[in-house]
Amino acid sequence: MSKFQIDIDFAHVDFSELETEEDFRAEAKKLLPAALFQFGEAVALKTWEEMQQKLSGKGSQSEKRRFIQATGRNYQRQASNRERQELEDYIVEQLQQYKK
């Protein structure tokens, strides 16, 4: 089970162009910024839900949306090199599986 519980959008990927490991890596690098943002949002949603349980659900929907988007942007900018590499590896795996 992967720690990345996100659905990566492959709608704009031309799978006929992906042949070598380098091709898959290059495509993964293009998809990485959006995937980082999406993963940051997923973590933020889980965090928001935990906070709301402790605070008896006092946050509004607009506060929730702002929190999730801000956290997604922060994660996209501040993810460590290790986290970026792990997510890139995950994207490569997903691309390879999707192509099969």
N, C-alpha and C. Protein backbone atom coordinates (compact mmCIF):
# COMPACT_ATOMS: atom_id res chain seq x y z
N MET A 1 0.86 -1.19 0.00
CA MET A 1 0.00 0.00 0.00
C MET A 1 0.89 1.24 0.00
N SER A 2 0.63 2.12 -0.90
CA SER A 2 1.41 3.34 -1.03
C SER A 2 0.91 4.39 -0.05
N LYS A 3 1.82 5.26 0.38
CA LYS A 3 1.40 6.34 1.25
C LYS A 3 0.74 7.46 0.44
N PHE A 4 0.87 7.41 -0.87
CA PHE A 4 0.30 8.43 -1.75
C PHE A 4 -1.10 8.01 -2.19
N GLN A 5 -2.09 8.47 -1.48
CA GLN A 5 -3.47 8.13 -1.79
C GLN A 5 -4.07 9.24 -2.66
N ILE A 6 -3.55 9.35 -3.90
CA ILE A 6 -4.02 10.37 -4.81
C ILE A 6 -4.27 9.74 -6.17
N ASP A 7 -5.15 10.36 -6.94
CA ASP A 7 -5.42 9.93 -8.31
C ASP A 7 -4.76 10.94 -9.25
N ILE A 8 -3.75 10.50 -9.93
CA ILE A 8 -3.00 11.38 -10.83
C ILE A 8 -3.71 11.40 -12.18
N ASP A 9 -3.88 12.60 -12.73
CA ASP A 9 -4.57 12.77 -14.00
C ASP A 9 -3.61 12.49 -15.16
N PHE A 10 -3.88 11.41 -15.86
CA PHE A 10 -3.05 11.03 -17.01
C PHE A 10 -3.74 11.37 -18.33
N ALA A 11 -4.76 12.22 -18.31
CA ALA A 11 -5.52 12.54 -19.51
C ALA A 11 -4.67 13.15 -20.62
N HIS A 12 -3.65 13.89 -20.25
CA HIS A 12 -2.82 14.58 -21.25
C HIS A 12 -1.51 13.86 -21.53
N VAL A 13 -1.39 12.63 -21.09
CA VAL A 13 -0.17 11.86 -21.29
C VAL A 13 -0.31 11.04 -22.58
N ASP A 14 0.68 11.17 -23.45
CA ASP A 14 0.72 10.37 -24.67
C ASP A 14 1.53 9.12 -24.37
N PHE A 15 0.84 8.05 -24.05
CA PHE A 15 1.52 6.82 -23.64
C PHE A 15 2.29 6.16 -24.76
N SER A 16 1.96 6.49 -26.00
CA SER A 16 2.71 5.91 -27.12
C SER A 16 4.14 6.46 -27.17
N GLU A 17 4.37 7.59 -26.52
CA GLU A 17 5.70 8.21 -26.48
C GLU A 17 6.57 7.63 -25.35
N LEU A 18 5.98 6.89 -24.45
CA LEU A 18 6.72 6.38 -23.29
C LEU A 18 7.26 4.98 -23.58
N GLU A 19 8.55 4.92 -23.80
CA GLU A 19 9.19 3.64 -24.10
C GLU A 19 10.28 3.29 -23.09
N THR A 20 11.15 4.23 -22.81
CA THR A 20 12.30 3.97 -21.94
C THR A 20 12.05 4.49 -20.52
N GLU A 21 12.91 4.08 -19.62
CA GLU A 21 12.85 4.58 -18.24
C GLU A 21 12.97 6.11 -18.22
N GLU A 22 13.83 6.64 -19.09
CA GLU A 22 14.01 8.10 -19.18
C GLU A 22 12.73 8.79 -19.62
N ASP A 23 11.99 8.17 -20.55
CA ASP A 23 10.71 8.73 -21.00
C ASP A 23 9.72 8.80 -19.83
N PHE A 24 9.65 7.71 -19.07
CA PHE A 24 8.75 7.69 -17.92
C PHE A 24 9.16 8.72 -16.88
N ARG A 25 10.46 8.84 -16.62
CA ARG A 25 10.96 9.82 -15.64
C ARG A 25 10.65 11.24 -16.08
N ALA A 26 10.85 11.53 -17.37
CA ALA A 26 10.59 12.87 -17.88
C ALA A 26 9.11 13.22 -17.72
N GLU A 27 8.24 12.28 -18.02
CA GLU A 27 6.80 12.53 -17.86
C GLU A 27 6.44 12.69 -16.39
N ALA A 28 7.04 11.89 -15.52
CA ALA A 28 6.78 12.00 -14.09
C ALA A 28 7.20 13.37 -13.56
N LYS A 29 8.31 13.89 -14.05
CA LYS A 29 8.77 15.22 -13.63
C LYS A 29 7.77 16.31 -14.04
N LYS A 30 7.12 16.13 -15.20
CA LYS A 30 6.10 17.10 -15.63
C LYS A 30 4.87 17.04 -14.72
N LEU A 31 4.53 15.84 -14.27
CA LEU A 31 3.34 15.65 -13.45
C LEU A 31 3.59 15.92 -11.97
N LEU A 32 4.85 16.01 -11.57
CA LEU A 32 5.20 16.13 -10.15
C LEU A 32 4.61 17.34 -9.45
N PRO A 33 4.67 18.56 -10.01
CA PRO A 33 4.11 19.71 -9.27
C PRO A 33 2.63 19.54 -8.91
N ALA A 34 1.84 19.08 -9.85
CA ALA A 34 0.41 18.89 -9.57
C ALA A 34 0.21 17.77 -8.55
N ALA A 35 1.02 16.72 -8.63
CA ALA A 35 0.90 15.61 -7.68
C ALA A 35 1.30 16.05 -6.27
N LEU A 36 2.33 16.87 -6.17
CA LEU A 36 2.73 17.40 -4.86
C LEU A 36 1.59 18.21 -4.24
N PHE A 37 0.98 19.06 -5.05
CA PHE A 37 -0.13 19.88 -4.57
C PHE A 37 -1.29 18.99 -4.13
N GLN A 38 -1.61 17.99 -4.95
CA GLN A 38 -2.72 17.09 -4.65
C GLN A 38 -2.45 16.29 -3.37
N PHE A 39 -1.22 15.81 -3.20
CA PHE A 39 -0.89 15.07 -1.98
C PHE A 39 -0.97 15.99 -0.76
N GLY A 40 -0.48 17.22 -0.90
CA GLY A 40 -0.58 18.19 0.20
C GLY A 40 -2.02 18.44 0.59
N GLU A 41 -2.91 18.53 -0.41
CA GLU A 41 -4.33 18.72 -0.12
C GLU A 41 -4.92 17.51 0.59
N ALA A 42 -4.51 16.31 0.19
CA ALA A 42 -5.02 15.09 0.83
C ALA A 42 -4.61 15.04 2.30
N VAL A 43 -3.37 15.40 2.58
CA VAL A 43 -2.89 15.43 3.97
C VAL A 43 -3.65 16.50 4.75
N ALA A 44 -3.87 17.65 4.11
CA ALA A 44 -4.60 18.74 4.77
C ALA A 44 -6.03 18.34 5.10
N LEU A 45 -6.68 17.63 4.21
CA LEU A 45 -8.05 17.19 4.46
C LEU A 45 -8.11 16.28 5.67
N LYS A 46 -7.19 15.35 5.74
CA LYS A 46 -7.15 14.45 6.89
C LYS A 46 -6.88 15.24 8.18
N THR A 47 -5.96 16.19 8.12
CA THR A 47 -5.65 17.03 9.27
C THR A 47 -6.86 17.86 9.69
N TRP A 48 -7.54 18.44 8.71
CA TRP A 48 -8.74 19.24 8.98
C TRP A 48 -9.79 18.41 9.72
N GLU A 49 -10.01 17.21 9.22
CA GLU A 49 -11.02 16.35 9.84
C GLU A 49 -10.65 16.00 11.28
N GLU A 50 -9.38 15.74 11.53
CA GLU A 50 -8.93 15.45 12.89
C GLU A 50 -9.10 16.67 13.79
N MET A 51 -8.78 17.86 13.26
CA MET A 51 -8.93 19.09 14.06
C MET A 51 -10.40 19.34 14.38
N GLN A 52 -11.28 19.08 13.41
CA GLN A 52 -12.70 19.33 13.62
C GLN A 52 -13.29 18.40 14.67
N GLN A 53 -12.78 17.17 14.74
CA GLN A 53 -13.24 16.25 15.79
C GLN A 53 -12.88 16.78 17.17
N LYS A 54 -11.68 17.35 17.28
CA LYS A 54 -11.23 17.88 18.57
C LYS A 54 -11.93 19.18 18.92
N LEU A 55 -12.31 19.96 17.89
CA LEU A 55 -12.93 21.26 18.13
C LEU A 55 -14.44 21.24 17.97
N SER A 56 -15.02 20.07 17.89
CA SER A 56 -16.47 19.90 17.74
C SER A 56 -16.99 20.56 16.46
N GLY A 57 -16.22 20.49 15.39
CA GLY A 57 -16.68 20.95 14.07
C GLY A 57 -16.98 22.43 13.96
N LYS A 58 -16.12 23.29 14.46
CA LYS A 58 -16.37 24.72 14.46
C LYS A 58 -15.96 25.44 13.17
N GLY A 59 -15.25 24.77 12.26
CA GLY A 59 -14.76 25.43 11.06
C GLY A 59 -15.80 25.48 9.95
N SER A 60 -15.81 26.58 9.19
CA SER A 60 -16.74 26.72 8.07
C SER A 60 -16.16 26.06 6.82
N GLN A 61 -17.00 25.91 5.80
CA GLN A 61 -16.54 25.33 4.53
C GLN A 61 -15.51 26.22 3.85
N SER A 62 -15.65 27.54 3.96
CA SER A 62 -14.68 28.43 3.33
C SER A 62 -13.33 28.35 4.06
N GLU A 63 -13.36 28.23 5.39
CA GLU A 63 -12.11 28.04 6.14
C GLU A 63 -11.45 26.73 5.76
N LYS A 64 -12.25 25.70 5.61
CA LYS A 64 -11.74 24.38 5.23
C LYS A 64 -11.07 24.47 3.86
N ARG A 65 -11.73 25.09 2.88
CA ARG A 65 -11.19 25.21 1.53
C ARG A 65 -9.87 25.99 1.54
N ARG A 66 -9.84 27.11 2.26
CA ARG A 66 -8.62 27.92 2.35
C ARG A 66 -7.48 27.12 3.00
N PHE A 67 -7.78 26.42 4.07
CA PHE A 67 -6.78 25.62 4.77
C PHE A 67 -6.20 24.55 3.84
N ILE A 68 -7.08 23.83 3.14
CA ILE A 68 -6.63 22.75 2.27
C ILE A 68 -5.80 23.28 1.11
N GLN A 69 -6.25 24.36 0.48
CA GLN A 69 -5.49 24.93 -0.63
C GLN A 69 -4.14 25.48 -0.18
N ALA A 70 -4.12 26.18 0.94
CA ALA A 70 -2.86 26.74 1.44
C ALA A 70 -1.88 25.63 1.80
N THR A 71 -2.38 24.58 2.43
CA THR A 71 -1.51 23.46 2.79
C THR A 71 -0.99 22.76 1.55
N GLY A 72 -1.83 22.60 0.54
CA GLY A 72 -1.40 22.00 -0.73
C GLY A 72 -0.28 22.80 -1.37
N ARG A 73 -0.45 24.13 -1.41
CA ARG A 73 0.60 25.00 -2.00
C ARG A 73 1.89 24.93 -1.18
N ASN A 74 1.76 24.95 0.13
CA ASN A 74 2.96 24.88 0.99
C ASN A 74 3.70 23.57 0.79
N TYR A 75 2.97 22.47 0.72
CA TYR A 75 3.62 21.18 0.52
C TYR A 75 4.30 21.13 -0.85
N GLN A 76 3.64 21.68 -1.85
CA GLN A 76 4.21 21.69 -3.20
C GLN A 76 5.55 22.43 -3.21
N ARG A 77 5.64 23.53 -2.46
CA ARG A 77 6.87 24.33 -2.43
C ARG A 77 7.93 23.77 -1.48
N GLN A 78 7.51 23.16 -0.38
CA GLN A 78 8.44 22.83 0.69
C GLN A 78 8.72 21.35 0.88
N ALA A 79 8.21 20.50 0.01
CA ALA A 79 8.48 19.06 0.14
C ALA A 79 9.98 18.82 0.03
N SER A 80 10.46 17.90 0.84
CA SER A 80 11.89 17.58 0.83
C SER A 80 12.26 16.86 -0.47
N ASN A 81 13.54 16.83 -0.75
CA ASN A 81 14.02 16.12 -1.94
C ASN A 81 13.64 14.64 -1.87
N ARG A 82 13.70 14.07 -0.71
CA ARG A 82 13.34 12.65 -0.53
C ARG A 82 11.86 12.44 -0.86
N GLU A 83 11.00 13.33 -0.34
CA GLU A 83 9.57 13.21 -0.61
C GLU A 83 9.28 13.39 -2.11
N ARG A 84 9.97 14.35 -2.72
CA ARG A 84 9.80 14.56 -4.16
C ARG A 84 10.22 13.32 -4.95
N GLN A 85 11.34 12.73 -4.56
CA GLN A 85 11.82 11.54 -5.26
C GLN A 85 10.87 10.37 -5.07
N GLU A 86 10.37 10.19 -3.86
CA GLU A 86 9.41 9.11 -3.60
C GLU A 86 8.15 9.29 -4.44
N LEU A 87 7.65 10.51 -4.53
CA LEU A 87 6.45 10.76 -5.31
C LEU A 87 6.73 10.59 -6.80
N GLU A 88 7.89 11.03 -7.25
CA GLU A 88 8.26 10.82 -8.65
C GLU A 88 8.32 9.32 -8.97
N ASP A 89 8.92 8.55 -8.08
CA ASP A 89 8.98 7.09 -8.27
C ASP A 89 7.57 6.50 -8.33
N TYR A 90 6.69 6.98 -7.47
CA TYR A 90 5.30 6.51 -7.47
C TYR A 90 4.62 6.84 -8.80
N ILE A 91 4.85 8.04 -9.31
CA ILE A 91 4.25 8.43 -10.59
C ILE A 91 4.77 7.54 -11.71
N VAL A 92 6.07 7.26 -11.71
CA VAL A 92 6.64 6.37 -12.73
C VAL A 92 5.96 5.00 -12.66
N GLU A 93 5.80 4.47 -11.47
CA GLU A 93 5.11 3.17 -11.29
C GLU A 93 3.69 3.22 -11.84
N GLN A 94 2.98 4.31 -11.53
CA GLN A 94 1.61 4.43 -11.99
C GLN A 94 1.56 4.54 -13.51
N LEU A 95 2.47 5.31 -14.09
CA LEU A 95 2.53 5.43 -15.56
C LEU A 95 2.78 4.06 -16.20
N GLN A 96 3.71 3.32 -15.64
CA GLN A 96 4.05 2.00 -16.19
C GLN A 96 2.86 1.06 -16.09
N GLN A 97 2.15 1.08 -14.96
CA GLN A 97 0.99 0.22 -14.79
C GLN A 97 -0.15 0.65 -15.73
N TYR A 98 -0.32 1.94 -15.88
CA TYR A 98 -1.40 2.46 -16.72
C TYR A 98 -1.14 2.09 -18.19
N LYS A 99 0.11 2.09 -18.58
CA LYS A 99 0.45 1.78 -19.98
C LYS A 99 0.20 0.32 -20.30
N LYS A 100 0.34 -0.58 -19.32
CA LYS A 100 0.15 -2.03 -19.56
C LYS A 100 -1.21 -2.34 -19.97
